[in-house]
Amino acid sequence: MSSSDSIALSVVGDVYTTTGAYKRSICMAAASGNWAVASSFDKTHPNWTYASLNAKGDTALHIAVALGNTRFVEKLVKRTTNIEHLEILNTDGNTAFCIAAISGNIKIAKILFGKNPVLLRIRGQDEMLPIQLASLVGQLHMVKFLFDKTGEELLINLPFEDKVKLFFLTFTCNIYTRALGLLKEYPRLATSKNEKGLTALEALAESTFNKHATGYRDFLRLFFNALEEEDTQVLQSEKAKEAMFSAAKSGNFMVLDYLFNYNPNLFLEVNSQGENLLQIAISNRQTSVFRLIFHKGAYRNILALHVDSKGNNILHLAGKLAAEGRFGSPINQFIIHSEELWFQEVEKIVPPIYKTMKNEESMTPKDVFYKEHLELSEKAIIEVNGIANNYLFVEALMITLEMSAFLTIRTNDTSGKHPLFKEKIWYMIFLLSVEIGVSLCAVSMNCFTSVIVPSSWSPSTNYINSRLARMTFGVLFALAGFATFGIFGSISGVILIYSFVPNWVICVSVAWCGFTFAMFYVFLYRTLYVSARLTLALCRQYGATVLAKLGYEISWEPFFLD
């Protein structure tokens, strides 16, 4: 069992294992948040607010905090006159504030801190500060809250070992503004090591890069300046090389960029498995690292020539299926299309002879790609066919609805007045929306019909993205058709049919139609986003092919589905 698991379990232990009827009653009251029952012991047992209630030494405050009973905690803290009662430790060595930090309950932490700020520096389980306990169990919001409450006085009085722990916490939790402040005050933190023996550079390289975190660039700039001033050899050492490979694996391209600026020779290093930087980026599908190497010109060409001990060049590695979980849980056709785009991008930078090179298993890169992705492609084809059938059914209903509406709308007097426009203009809007909606749905149906035509996938057919391309265009045309008739057709139809009702009723109906379709697209945001990206990638691919046949060479930035 890990230390984080044991700490978490200690918070939610058996609070009812106690002796004495009144102690059991208070335990149950604190656990359920029943203040009336607990306060009824004021006369008979006035010390119940700070008495040890069970074998773990928990007080009522410990129990209420562990189970998140905020109102109970608030009332208990309010009536506590001796703030030292808030500093009581249970047998695990935790104060109630430590338990609040572990559970991530910021509201309770604010209540306790407001009453007794000293709680911030009282160590808990395993001699760790509350902020360290919160970080250990992954309560990042609590970590940020506690850092905001950590004053300069506390930092000055902390042993350097604890400053190191706080420094590592700041950048691993993406709190770069505080990491920047610590580094300005204590530059030698740049060369410090954590309890696992990792240097700050190695830990930073392994950390997940958050491009939206504020202060990251400033922190990196100061970090590498401090690193060079404190130890001029560290950026030339084996530690720097290991950090480079860790950064490539985690996708931390900004750390890589700084490393290259300080020591360009790192580009050509290989790890213990004989893999160079480009191979690691391709195997782990780190597109940001690939883009960085893509713009390094001569270095990129040298790295692309490397062949590993099993005879695989970088295109063989690109042909292997990405690690499970790399894409989260999207639908299979998006995964395989992204894999195909990735394979094609890598194919652009390898020499022509590498495209047909065989590894020790006598397989070319395309053979590897086909073998690795065969099962995924079969699932994707089944998925695509199912989606196409569903869309065909929905579009058939939509066209039927549109034609029925077109045939039933009255066409007598067109001189009446309606909101915003004259009736004649509303007729034109309605007819155009029907015409455009039906046309778009018809085009979409053609796309989906071509998708469900039986086909096979094999190495000789190169890629299968034409099937996904047709489905993607079909989805976009279908959604455009639904939007056109759903919004403009519905609004104009309501106005034309119910012209006898007051204008405010029509306005409410129109607003409701708009809201309904707005929500429809809000919920489909991710689908639309992915479809738009795939469409752009396909257009670029086909555009480049056409221009190449006309004698024009054009190259776009590598474009992937991350």
Protein backbone atom coordinates (compact mmCIF):
# COMPACT_ATOMS: atom_id res chain seq x y z
CA MET A 1 0.00 0.00 0.00
CA SER A 2 1.40 3.43 -0.94
CA SER A 3 1.92 6.23 1.57
CA SER A 4 -0.82 8.30 -0.06
CA ASP A 5 -3.27 5.40 0.30
CA SER A 6 -2.39 4.92 3.97
CA ILE A 7 -2.81 8.62 4.67
CA ALA A 8 -6.19 8.69 2.92
CA LEU A 9 -7.36 5.62 4.84
CA SER A 10 -6.29 7.13 8.14
CA VAL A 11 -8.73 9.98 7.59
CA VAL A 12 -11.75 7.74 7.19
CA GLY A 13 -11.04 5.16 9.89
CA ASP A 14 -13.66 3.64 12.15
CA VAL A 15 -14.87 6.66 14.11
CA TYR A 16 -17.36 4.57 16.08
CA THR A 17 -14.80 2.30 17.79
CA THR A 18 -15.04 3.92 21.22
CA THR A 19 -15.81 3.31 24.84
CA GLY A 20 -18.56 5.00 26.82
CA ALA A 21 -22.11 5.68 25.78
CA TYR A 22 -21.74 9.45 25.73
CA LYS A 23 -18.59 9.27 23.60
CA ARG A 24 -20.35 7.04 21.11
CA SER A 25 -23.27 9.48 20.97
CA ILE A 26 -20.92 12.41 20.30
CA CYS A 27 -19.06 10.41 17.65
CA MET A 28 -22.33 9.68 15.85
CA ALA A 29 -23.46 13.30 16.20
CA ALA A 30 -20.16 14.64 14.79
CA ALA A 31 -20.22 12.08 11.98
CA SER A 32 -23.79 12.99 11.00
CA GLY A 33 -23.43 16.72 11.66
CA ASN A 34 -26.13 16.72 14.35
CA TRP A 35 -25.17 19.76 16.42
CA ALA A 36 -28.27 19.59 18.62
CA VAL A 37 -27.35 16.15 19.96
CA ALA A 38 -23.69 17.03 20.47
CA SER A 39 -24.39 20.31 22.27
CA SER A 40 -26.83 18.55 24.61
CA PHE A 41 -23.77 17.24 26.49
CA ASP A 42 -22.60 20.74 27.44
CA LYS A 43 -23.78 20.43 31.03
CA THR A 44 -22.97 16.78 31.73
CA HIS A 45 -19.68 16.61 29.81
CA PRO A 46 -18.46 20.19 29.14
CA ASN A 47 -15.13 18.96 27.74
CA TRP A 48 -16.74 16.98 24.90
CA THR A 49 -15.53 19.57 22.36
CA TYR A 50 -11.88 18.56 22.77
CA ALA A 51 -12.04 15.14 24.47
CA SER A 52 -10.55 12.06 22.83
CA LEU A 53 -13.51 9.98 21.66
CA ASN A 54 -12.05 6.80 20.17
CA ALA A 55 -8.97 4.59 20.01
CA LYS A 56 -7.42 6.80 17.34
CA GLY A 57 -7.55 9.82 19.61
CA ASP A 58 -10.00 11.66 17.38
CA THR A 59 -11.93 14.57 18.84
CA ALA A 60 -15.36 15.65 17.64
CA LEU A 61 -13.56 18.16 15.41
CA HIS A 62 -11.41 15.46 13.78
CA ILE A 63 -14.49 13.37 13.01
CA ALA A 64 -16.60 16.25 11.69
CA VAL A 65 -13.76 17.46 9.46
CA ALA A 66 -13.07 13.95 8.11
CA LEU A 67 -16.72 13.53 7.12
CA GLY A 68 -17.08 17.06 5.73
CA ASN A 69 -19.73 18.41 8.09
CA THR A 70 -18.98 22.08 7.49
CA ARG A 71 -21.77 23.61 9.59
CA PHE A 72 -20.91 21.40 12.57
CA VAL A 73 -17.24 22.41 12.29
CA GLU A 74 -18.17 26.08 12.00
CA LYS A 75 -20.28 25.99 15.18
CA LEU A 76 -17.68 23.96 17.07
CA VAL A 77 -14.83 26.30 16.12
CA LYS A 78 -16.92 29.35 16.95
CA ARG A 79 -17.48 28.22 20.52
CA THR A 80 -13.86 27.11 21.03
CA THR A 81 -12.20 29.67 23.32
CA ASN A 82 -8.84 27.94 23.68
CA ILE A 83 -7.29 27.77 20.21
CA GLU A 84 -4.85 25.12 21.41
CA HIS A 85 -7.76 22.68 21.35
CA LEU A 86 -7.64 23.00 17.54
CA GLU A 87 -4.03 21.79 17.61
CA ILE A 88 -4.77 18.40 19.20
CA LEU A 89 -3.15 15.49 17.36
CA ASN A 90 -4.73 12.07 16.93
CA THR A 91 -2.69 8.86 17.04
CA ASP A 92 -1.81 9.27 13.35
CA GLY A 93 -0.20 12.59 14.26
CA ASN A 94 -2.77 14.71 12.39
CA THR A 95 -4.55 17.83 13.52
CA ALA A 96 -8.07 18.48 12.24
CA PHE A 97 -6.47 20.97 9.84
CA CYS A 98 -4.23 18.24 8.42
CA ILE A 99 -7.31 16.11 7.85
CA ALA A 100 -9.00 19.02 6.06
CA ALA A 101 -5.90 19.34 3.85
CA ILE A 102 -5.94 15.61 3.04
CA SER A 103 -9.65 15.59 2.25
CA GLY A 104 -9.36 18.77 0.14
CA ASN A 105 -12.17 20.62 1.94
CA ILE A 106 -11.19 24.26 1.43
CA LYS A 107 -14.27 25.65 3.23
CA ILE A 108 -13.36 23.83 6.43
CA ALA A 109 -9.70 24.75 6.02
CA LYS A 110 -10.66 28.42 5.81
CA ILE A 111 -12.72 28.14 9.02
CA LEU A 112 -9.87 26.50 10.95
CA PHE A 113 -7.17 28.79 9.55
CA GLY A 114 -9.26 31.86 10.36
CA LYS A 115 -9.44 30.79 14.00
CA ASN A 116 -5.83 29.65 14.36
CA PRO A 117 -3.30 30.51 11.57
CA VAL A 118 -0.59 28.55 13.43
CA LEU A 119 -2.25 25.33 12.17
CA LEU A 120 -0.57 25.91 8.81
CA ARG A 121 2.87 25.10 10.26
CA ILE A 122 1.93 22.22 12.60
CA ARG A 123 3.20 18.99 11.11
CA GLY A 124 0.96 15.98 10.74
CA GLN A 125 1.42 12.35 9.73
CA ASP A 126 4.99 11.32 8.88
CA GLU A 127 6.21 14.79 10.01
CA MET A 128 4.73 16.41 6.91
CA LEU A 129 3.25 19.89 6.72
CA PRO A 130 -0.44 20.16 5.77
CA ILE A 131 0.52 21.41 2.30
CA GLN A 132 2.70 18.34 1.78
CA LEU A 133 -0.08 16.02 2.88
CA ALA A 134 -2.50 17.71 0.47
CA SER A 135 -0.05 17.34 -2.41
CA LEU A 136 0.69 13.69 -1.61
CA VAL A 137 -2.98 12.70 -2.06
CA GLY A 138 -3.45 14.93 -5.14
CA GLN A 139 -5.55 17.76 -3.64
CA LEU A 140 -4.17 20.43 -5.99
CA HIS A 141 -6.82 23.06 -5.16
CA MET A 142 -5.97 22.70 -1.49
CA VAL A 143 -2.25 22.96 -2.29
CA LYS A 144 -2.81 26.27 -4.08
CA PHE A 145 -4.97 27.57 -1.22
CA LEU A 146 -2.34 26.66 1.38
CA PHE A 147 0.43 28.25 -0.68
CA ASP A 148 -1.59 31.47 -0.81
CA LYS A 149 -1.79 31.40 3.00
CA THR A 150 1.89 30.56 3.48
CA GLY A 151 3.60 33.76 4.61
CA GLU A 152 7.22 34.84 4.24
CA GLU A 153 7.79 34.31 7.97
CA LEU A 154 6.92 30.63 7.70
CA LEU A 155 9.22 30.15 4.71
CA ILE A 156 12.13 31.85 6.44
CA ASN A 157 11.79 29.68 9.54
CA LEU A 158 11.48 26.42 7.60
CA PRO A 159 14.54 24.14 7.35
CA PHE A 160 16.07 24.11 3.87
CA GLU A 161 14.96 20.49 3.44
CA ASP A 162 11.33 21.61 3.73
CA LYS A 163 11.95 24.49 1.35
CA VAL A 164 13.17 21.90 -1.17
CA LYS A 165 10.00 19.86 -0.71
CA LEU A 166 7.84 22.96 -1.18
CA PHE A 167 9.82 23.92 -4.28
CA PHE A 168 9.26 20.52 -5.87
CA LEU A 169 5.58 20.74 -4.93
CA THR A 170 5.16 24.08 -6.67
CA PHE A 171 6.22 23.05 -10.14
CA THR A 172 4.81 19.51 -10.00
CA CYS A 173 1.43 21.08 -9.09
CA ASN A 174 1.81 23.77 -11.82
CA ILE A 175 2.00 26.63 -9.29
CA TYR A 176 4.80 28.32 -11.21
CA THR A 177 4.33 31.80 -9.76
CA ARG A 178 5.17 30.49 -6.28
CA ALA A 179 8.01 28.37 -7.68
CA LEU A 180 9.37 31.54 -9.27
CA GLY A 181 9.21 33.37 -5.94
CA LEU A 182 10.98 30.56 -4.08
CA LEU A 183 13.71 30.39 -6.73
CA LYS A 184 14.33 34.12 -6.57
CA GLU A 185 14.83 33.90 -2.80
CA TYR A 186 16.81 30.65 -2.80
CA PRO A 187 18.63 30.13 -6.16
CA ARG A 188 20.36 26.95 -4.94
CA LEU A 189 16.98 25.22 -5.09
CA ALA A 190 17.71 24.79 -8.81
CA THR A 191 20.36 22.16 -8.01
CA SER A 192 18.50 20.48 -5.15
CA LYS A 193 17.27 16.89 -5.03
CA ASN A 194 14.04 15.43 -3.70
CA GLU A 195 13.60 12.42 -1.41
CA LYS A 196 13.74 10.09 -4.45
CA GLY A 197 17.15 11.41 -5.47
CA LEU A 198 15.83 13.23 -8.54
CA THR A 199 17.30 16.61 -9.32
CA ALA A 200 14.97 19.56 -9.88
CA LEU A 201 15.78 19.38 -13.60
CA GLU A 202 14.79 15.71 -13.83
CA ALA A 203 11.58 16.24 -11.84
CA LEU A 204 10.67 19.25 -13.96
CA ALA A 205 11.23 17.26 -17.16
CA GLU A 206 8.96 14.46 -15.91
CA SER A 207 6.17 16.82 -14.86
CA THR A 208 3.17 17.30 -17.11
CA PHE A 209 3.40 20.49 -19.16
CA ASN A 210 0.45 22.83 -18.71
CA LYS A 211 0.53 25.49 -21.42
CA HIS A 212 -2.22 27.48 -19.70
CA ALA A 213 -0.37 27.80 -16.37
CA THR A 214 0.74 31.35 -15.63
CA GLY A 215 4.40 32.09 -14.99
CA TYR A 216 5.75 28.95 -16.67
CA ARG A 217 8.03 30.69 -19.16
CA ASP A 218 9.38 33.11 -16.55
CA PHE A 219 10.02 30.23 -14.17
CA LEU A 220 11.90 28.21 -16.81
CA ARG A 221 14.03 31.20 -17.77
CA LEU A 222 15.03 31.86 -14.16
CA PHE A 223 15.45 28.15 -13.42
CA PHE A 224 18.00 27.55 -16.20
CA ASN A 225 19.85 30.77 -15.38
CA ALA A 226 20.09 29.72 -11.73
CA LEU A 227 21.08 26.19 -12.76
CA GLU A 228 23.96 27.49 -14.84
CA GLU A 229 25.15 29.89 -12.11
CA GLU A 230 24.97 27.30 -9.33
CA ASP A 231 26.55 24.40 -11.25
CA THR A 232 28.10 25.08 -14.65
CA GLN A 233 28.55 21.37 -15.39
CA VAL A 234 25.01 20.17 -14.69
CA LEU A 235 23.76 20.93 -18.20
CA GLN A 236 26.61 18.85 -19.65
CA SER A 237 26.08 15.87 -17.33
CA GLU A 238 24.29 12.54 -17.55
CA LYS A 239 21.48 14.07 -15.48
CA ALA A 240 20.77 16.54 -18.28
CA LYS A 241 20.64 13.69 -20.79
CA GLU A 242 18.18 11.71 -18.64
CA ALA A 243 16.10 14.85 -18.17
CA MET A 244 15.98 15.32 -21.94
CA PHE A 245 14.60 11.81 -22.51
CA SER A 246 12.07 12.25 -19.69
CA ALA A 247 10.90 15.55 -21.20
CA ALA A 248 10.53 13.94 -24.63
CA LYS A 249 8.47 11.12 -23.14
CA SER A 250 6.19 13.44 -21.16
CA GLY A 251 5.85 16.00 -23.97
CA ASN A 252 7.50 18.84 -22.05
CA PHE A 253 8.86 20.54 -25.15
CA MET A 254 9.73 23.85 -23.48
CA VAL A 255 12.22 22.14 -21.15
CA LEU A 256 13.66 20.44 -24.23
CA ASP A 257 14.01 23.75 -26.04
CA TYR A 258 15.95 25.26 -23.13
CA LEU A 259 18.17 22.19 -22.89
CA PHE A 260 18.99 22.41 -26.59
CA ASN A 261 19.83 26.09 -26.31
CA TYR A 262 22.29 25.37 -23.50
CA ASN A 263 23.69 22.14 -24.96
CA PRO A 264 22.82 21.42 -28.65
CA ASN A 265 24.85 18.20 -28.60
CA LEU A 266 22.14 16.56 -26.47
CA PHE A 267 20.11 16.22 -29.66
CA LEU A 268 22.20 13.30 -30.86
CA GLU A 269 22.32 11.31 -27.62
CA VAL A 270 20.65 7.92 -27.24
CA ASN A 271 19.18 6.29 -24.11
CA SER A 272 20.03 2.91 -22.60
CA GLN A 273 17.68 1.19 -25.07
CA GLY A 274 19.49 2.77 -28.01
CA GLU A 275 16.60 5.15 -28.80
CA ASN A 276 17.23 8.72 -29.83
CA LEU A 277 15.04 11.72 -29.11
CA LEU A 278 12.97 11.47 -32.30
CA GLN A 279 12.23 7.79 -31.74
CA ILE A 280 11.03 8.46 -28.18
CA ALA A 281 8.76 11.29 -29.39
CA ILE A 282 7.28 9.11 -32.14
CA SER A 283 6.77 6.05 -29.94
CA ASN A 284 4.97 8.14 -27.31
CA ARG A 285 3.03 10.21 -29.89
CA GLN A 286 4.34 13.49 -28.47
CA THR A 287 3.35 15.84 -31.26
CA SER A 288 4.76 18.96 -29.60
CA VAL A 289 8.21 17.36 -29.33
CA PHE A 290 7.97 16.14 -32.93
CA ARG A 291 7.15 19.68 -34.08
CA LEU A 292 10.15 21.00 -32.16
CA ILE A 293 12.48 18.50 -33.83
CA PHE A 294 10.75 19.07 -37.19
CA HIS A 295 12.11 22.63 -37.26
CA LYS A 296 15.70 21.69 -36.35
CA GLY A 297 16.73 21.03 -39.96
CA ALA A 298 20.01 19.11 -40.08
CA TYR A 299 19.51 17.58 -36.62
CA ARG A 300 16.14 16.23 -37.74
CA ASN A 301 17.65 14.61 -40.82
CA ILE A 302 20.39 12.93 -38.76
CA LEU A 303 17.94 11.61 -36.17
CA ALA A 304 15.64 10.29 -38.90
CA LEU A 305 18.41 7.95 -40.16
CA HIS A 306 18.75 6.07 -36.87
CA VAL A 307 17.83 2.35 -36.84
CA ASP A 308 17.35 0.55 -33.53
CA SER A 309 18.70 -2.86 -32.48
CA LYS A 310 15.63 -4.63 -33.93
CA GLY A 311 16.06 -3.08 -37.38
CA ASN A 312 13.23 -0.58 -36.93
CA ASN A 313 13.55 2.88 -38.37
CA ILE A 314 11.34 5.76 -37.19
CA LEU A 315 8.62 4.86 -39.71
CA HIS A 316 8.35 1.36 -38.21
CA LEU A 317 7.83 3.01 -34.80
CA ALA A 318 5.19 5.33 -36.24
CA GLY A 319 3.41 2.28 -37.62
CA LYS A 320 3.00 0.74 -34.18
CA LEU A 321 -0.26 1.30 -32.33
CA ALA A 322 -0.15 4.10 -29.78
CA ALA A 323 -0.16 3.10 -26.14
CA GLU A 324 -3.60 2.40 -24.67
CA GLY A 325 -5.04 5.49 -23.02
CA ARG A 326 -3.01 7.90 -25.21
CA PHE A 327 -6.20 9.33 -26.71
CA GLY A 328 -8.53 8.91 -23.72
CA SER A 329 -11.70 7.17 -24.95
CA PRO A 330 -12.73 8.64 -28.31
CA ILE A 331 -14.46 6.64 -31.01
CA ASN A 332 -12.24 4.26 -32.93
CA GLN A 333 -12.44 5.93 -36.34
CA PHE A 334 -10.96 9.12 -34.93
CA ILE A 335 -8.13 7.16 -33.32
CA ILE A 336 -7.17 5.33 -36.48
CA HIS A 337 -7.41 8.43 -38.60
CA SER A 338 -5.13 10.30 -36.21
CA GLU A 339 -2.75 7.33 -36.36
CA GLU A 340 -2.82 7.49 -40.16
CA LEU A 341 -2.08 11.21 -40.17
CA TRP A 342 0.78 10.60 -37.76
CA PHE A 343 2.22 7.85 -39.99
CA GLN A 344 2.02 10.12 -43.03
CA GLU A 345 3.76 13.01 -41.28
CA VAL A 346 6.65 10.80 -40.20
CA GLU A 347 6.80 9.36 -43.71
CA LYS A 348 7.58 12.83 -45.05
CA ILE A 349 10.89 13.11 -43.20
CA VAL A 350 12.40 9.66 -43.88
CA PRO A 351 14.54 8.86 -46.95
CA PRO A 352 12.65 6.96 -49.71
CA ILE A 353 14.62 3.77 -49.09
CA TYR A 354 13.42 3.71 -45.45
CA LYS A 355 9.79 3.44 -46.58
CA THR A 356 10.40 -0.10 -47.86
CA MET A 357 13.11 -1.12 -45.37
CA LYS A 358 12.43 -4.40 -43.56
CA ASN A 359 13.14 -4.97 -39.88
CA GLU A 360 14.39 -8.20 -38.32
CA GLU A 361 10.88 -9.64 -38.68
CA SER A 362 11.00 -8.93 -42.44
CA MET A 363 8.22 -6.34 -42.18
CA THR A 364 8.13 -2.96 -43.93
CA PRO A 365 6.70 0.06 -42.09
CA LYS A 366 3.36 -0.35 -43.92
CA ASP A 367 3.25 -4.01 -42.94
CA VAL A 368 3.77 -3.00 -39.30
CA PHE A 369 1.07 -0.36 -39.53
CA TYR A 370 -1.40 -2.80 -41.06
CA LYS A 371 -0.69 -5.56 -38.54
CA GLU A 372 -0.84 -3.26 -35.51
CA HIS A 373 -4.02 -1.46 -36.59
CA LEU A 374 -5.98 -4.31 -38.17
CA GLU A 375 -8.25 -4.92 -35.17
CA LEU A 376 -8.75 -1.20 -34.61
CA SER A 377 -9.64 -0.67 -38.28
CA GLU A 378 -12.28 -3.42 -38.18
CA LYS A 379 -13.86 -1.83 -35.11
CA ALA A 380 -13.70 1.58 -36.79
CA ILE A 381 -15.45 0.29 -39.93
CA ILE A 382 -18.25 -1.23 -37.84
CA GLU A 383 -18.58 2.05 -35.95
CA VAL A 384 -18.62 4.13 -39.12
CA ASN A 385 -21.27 1.92 -40.70
CA GLY A 386 -23.43 2.16 -37.59
CA ILE A 387 -23.12 5.94 -37.45
CA ALA A 388 -23.86 6.22 -41.17
CA ASN A 389 -27.00 4.11 -40.83
CA ASN A 390 -28.21 6.19 -37.89
CA TYR A 391 -27.64 9.44 -39.74
CA LEU A 392 -29.42 8.11 -42.84
CA PHE A 393 -32.46 7.29 -40.74
CA VAL A 394 -32.49 10.69 -39.03
CA GLU A 395 -31.99 12.54 -42.31
CA ALA A 396 -34.84 10.63 -43.94
CA LEU A 397 -37.11 11.79 -41.10
CA MET A 398 -35.77 15.34 -41.41
CA ILE A 399 -36.43 15.52 -45.14
CA THR A 400 -39.94 14.10 -44.61
CA LEU A 401 -40.59 16.75 -41.96
CA GLU A 402 -39.28 19.54 -44.17
CA MET A 403 -41.38 18.50 -47.18
CA SER A 404 -44.49 18.12 -45.01
CA ALA A 405 -43.96 21.60 -43.63
CA PHE A 406 -43.40 22.93 -47.12
CA LEU A 407 -46.67 21.46 -48.40
CA THR A 408 -48.83 22.49 -45.43
CA ILE A 409 -47.81 26.14 -45.01
CA ARG A 410 -50.64 28.41 -46.18
CA THR A 411 -49.92 30.55 -49.24
CA ASN A 412 -52.88 32.91 -49.46
CA ASP A 413 -52.41 36.55 -48.37
CA THR A 414 -48.77 37.67 -48.27
CA SER A 415 -49.32 41.34 -47.51
CA GLY A 416 -49.76 41.11 -43.74
CA LYS A 417 -47.36 42.51 -41.16
CA HIS A 418 -45.29 40.33 -38.86
CA PRO A 419 -42.40 40.86 -36.45
CA LEU A 420 -39.26 42.29 -38.09
CA PHE A 421 -40.24 41.60 -41.72
CA LYS A 422 -43.28 41.53 -43.96
CA GLU A 423 -45.03 38.21 -44.51
CA LYS A 424 -43.64 37.90 -48.02
CA ILE A 425 -40.07 38.02 -46.73
CA TRP A 426 -40.85 35.39 -44.08
CA TYR A 427 -42.19 33.16 -46.89
CA MET A 428 -38.93 33.58 -48.77
CA ILE A 429 -36.90 32.74 -45.67
CA PHE A 430 -39.01 29.65 -45.05
CA LEU A 431 -38.80 28.37 -48.63
CA LEU A 432 -35.05 28.97 -48.83
CA SER A 433 -34.46 27.23 -45.49
CA VAL A 434 -36.43 24.19 -46.70
CA GLU A 435 -34.60 24.13 -50.03
CA ILE A 436 -31.14 24.51 -48.50
CA GLY A 437 -31.92 22.08 -45.66
CA VAL A 438 -33.17 19.37 -48.01
CA SER A 439 -30.20 19.87 -50.36
CA LEU A 440 -27.66 19.62 -47.56
CA CYS A 441 -29.36 16.51 -46.15
CA ALA A 442 -29.41 14.94 -49.61
CA VAL A 443 -25.67 15.56 -50.08
CA SER A 444 -25.06 14.16 -46.59
CA MET A 445 -27.09 11.05 -47.42
CA ASN A 446 -24.95 10.48 -50.51
CA CYS A 447 -21.81 10.70 -48.35
CA PHE A 448 -23.17 8.23 -45.79
CA THR A 449 -24.44 5.86 -48.48
CA SER A 450 -20.95 5.68 -49.98
CA VAL A 451 -19.55 4.98 -46.50
CA ILE A 452 -21.61 1.85 -45.89
CA VAL A 453 -20.69 0.28 -49.23
CA PRO A 454 -18.63 -2.82 -48.31
CA SER A 455 -14.89 -2.34 -48.64
CA SER A 456 -11.73 -3.94 -47.33
CA TRP A 457 -8.55 -2.61 -45.81
CA SER A 458 -5.14 -3.96 -46.64
CA PRO A 459 -1.61 -2.65 -47.05
CA SER A 460 -2.13 -2.31 -50.79
CA THR A 461 -4.95 0.20 -50.29
CA ASN A 462 -2.55 2.53 -48.45
CA TYR A 463 -4.88 4.31 -45.99
CA ILE A 464 -8.55 4.08 -45.09
CA ASN A 465 -9.13 7.74 -44.37
CA SER A 466 -11.31 8.22 -47.46
CA ARG A 467 -14.10 6.36 -45.62
CA LEU A 468 -13.74 8.62 -42.60
CA ALA A 469 -13.45 11.66 -44.87
CA ARG A 470 -16.83 10.89 -46.45
CA MET A 471 -18.39 10.33 -43.04
CA THR A 472 -16.88 13.55 -41.67
CA PHE A 473 -18.22 15.57 -44.59
CA GLY A 474 -21.55 13.79 -44.21
CA VAL A 475 -21.75 14.78 -40.52
CA LEU A 476 -20.94 18.40 -41.29
CA PHE A 477 -23.48 18.59 -44.12
CA ALA A 478 -26.12 16.93 -41.93
CA LEU A 479 -25.55 19.32 -39.03
CA ALA A 480 -25.61 22.28 -41.41
CA GLY A 481 -28.91 21.04 -42.87
CA PHE A 482 -30.41 20.52 -39.41
CA ALA A 483 -29.31 23.99 -38.35
CA THR A 484 -30.64 25.70 -41.46
CA PHE A 485 -34.12 24.26 -41.29
CA GLY A 486 -34.20 23.89 -37.52
CA ILE A 487 -33.46 27.54 -36.85
CA PHE A 488 -34.62 29.55 -39.88
CA GLY A 489 -37.35 27.13 -40.96
CA SER A 490 -38.78 26.75 -37.45
CA ILE A 491 -38.74 30.48 -36.72
CA SER A 492 -40.30 31.52 -40.04
CA GLY A 493 -42.82 28.65 -39.84
CA VAL A 494 -43.97 29.68 -36.37
CA ILE A 495 -44.42 33.28 -37.49
CA LEU A 496 -46.36 32.33 -40.64
CA ILE A 497 -48.68 29.78 -38.99
CA TYR A 498 -49.38 31.58 -35.73
CA SER A 499 -49.57 35.14 -37.02
CA PHE A 500 -52.85 35.67 -35.10
CA VAL A 501 -51.21 35.37 -31.68
CA PRO A 502 -49.61 38.34 -29.86
CA ASN A 503 -46.06 39.23 -30.85
CA TRP A 504 -44.61 38.36 -27.43
CA VAL A 505 -45.75 34.75 -27.82
CA ILE A 506 -43.98 34.54 -31.16
CA CYS A 507 -40.85 36.10 -29.65
CA VAL A 508 -40.85 33.53 -26.82
CA SER A 509 -41.29 30.68 -29.33
CA VAL A 510 -38.48 32.00 -31.50
CA ALA A 511 -36.18 32.40 -28.49
CA TRP A 512 -36.96 28.86 -27.36
CA CYS A 513 -36.16 27.46 -30.82
CA GLY A 514 -32.84 29.29 -30.80
CA PHE A 515 -32.02 28.11 -27.28
CA THR A 516 -32.82 24.47 -28.12
CA PHE A 517 -30.52 24.40 -31.12
CA ALA A 518 -27.82 26.33 -29.26
CA MET A 519 -27.83 23.63 -26.58
CA PHE A 520 -27.71 20.97 -29.29
CA TYR A 521 -24.47 22.39 -30.62
CA VAL A 522 -23.05 23.02 -27.15
CA PHE A 523 -23.41 19.32 -26.35
CA LEU A 524 -21.93 18.41 -29.73
CA TYR A 525 -18.99 20.80 -29.34
CA ARG A 526 -16.37 18.06 -29.09
CA THR A 527 -17.76 16.20 -32.11
CA LEU A 528 -17.82 19.39 -34.17
CA TYR A 529 -14.32 20.32 -33.05
CA VAL A 530 -12.85 16.93 -33.97
CA SER A 531 -14.78 16.86 -37.27
CA ALA A 532 -13.51 20.34 -38.16
CA ARG A 533 -9.91 19.36 -37.41
CA LEU A 534 -10.17 16.17 -39.44
CA THR A 535 -11.79 18.05 -42.31
CA LEU A 536 -8.98 20.60 -42.33
CA ALA A 537 -6.36 17.84 -42.25
CA LEU A 538 -8.07 16.03 -45.13
CA CYS A 539 -8.38 19.22 -47.19
CA ARG A 540 -4.69 19.94 -46.63
CA GLN A 541 -3.75 16.41 -47.62
CA TYR A 542 -5.82 16.37 -50.80
CA GLY A 543 -4.83 19.95 -51.62
CA ALA A 544 -1.13 19.10 -51.34
CA THR A 545 -1.63 16.05 -53.60
CA VAL A 546 -3.38 18.10 -56.30
CA LEU A 547 -0.80 20.90 -56.14
CA ALA A 548 2.04 18.37 -56.30
CA LYS A 549 0.60 16.99 -59.58
CA LEU A 550 0.51 20.53 -60.93
CA GLY A 551 4.16 21.01 -60.05
CA TYR A 552 3.75 23.03 -56.85
CA GLU A 553 5.34 21.81 -53.65
CA ILE A 554 3.64 23.00 -50.49
CA SER A 555 4.20 22.02 -46.87
CA TRP A 556 2.01 22.71 -43.85
CA GLU A 557 2.79 22.43 -40.17
CA PRO A 558 2.34 18.87 -38.86
CA PHE A 559 -1.30 18.52 -37.88
CA PHE A 560 -2.52 15.82 -35.52
CA LEU A 561 -5.49 14.84 -33.43
CA ASP A 562 -4.04 15.07 -29.90
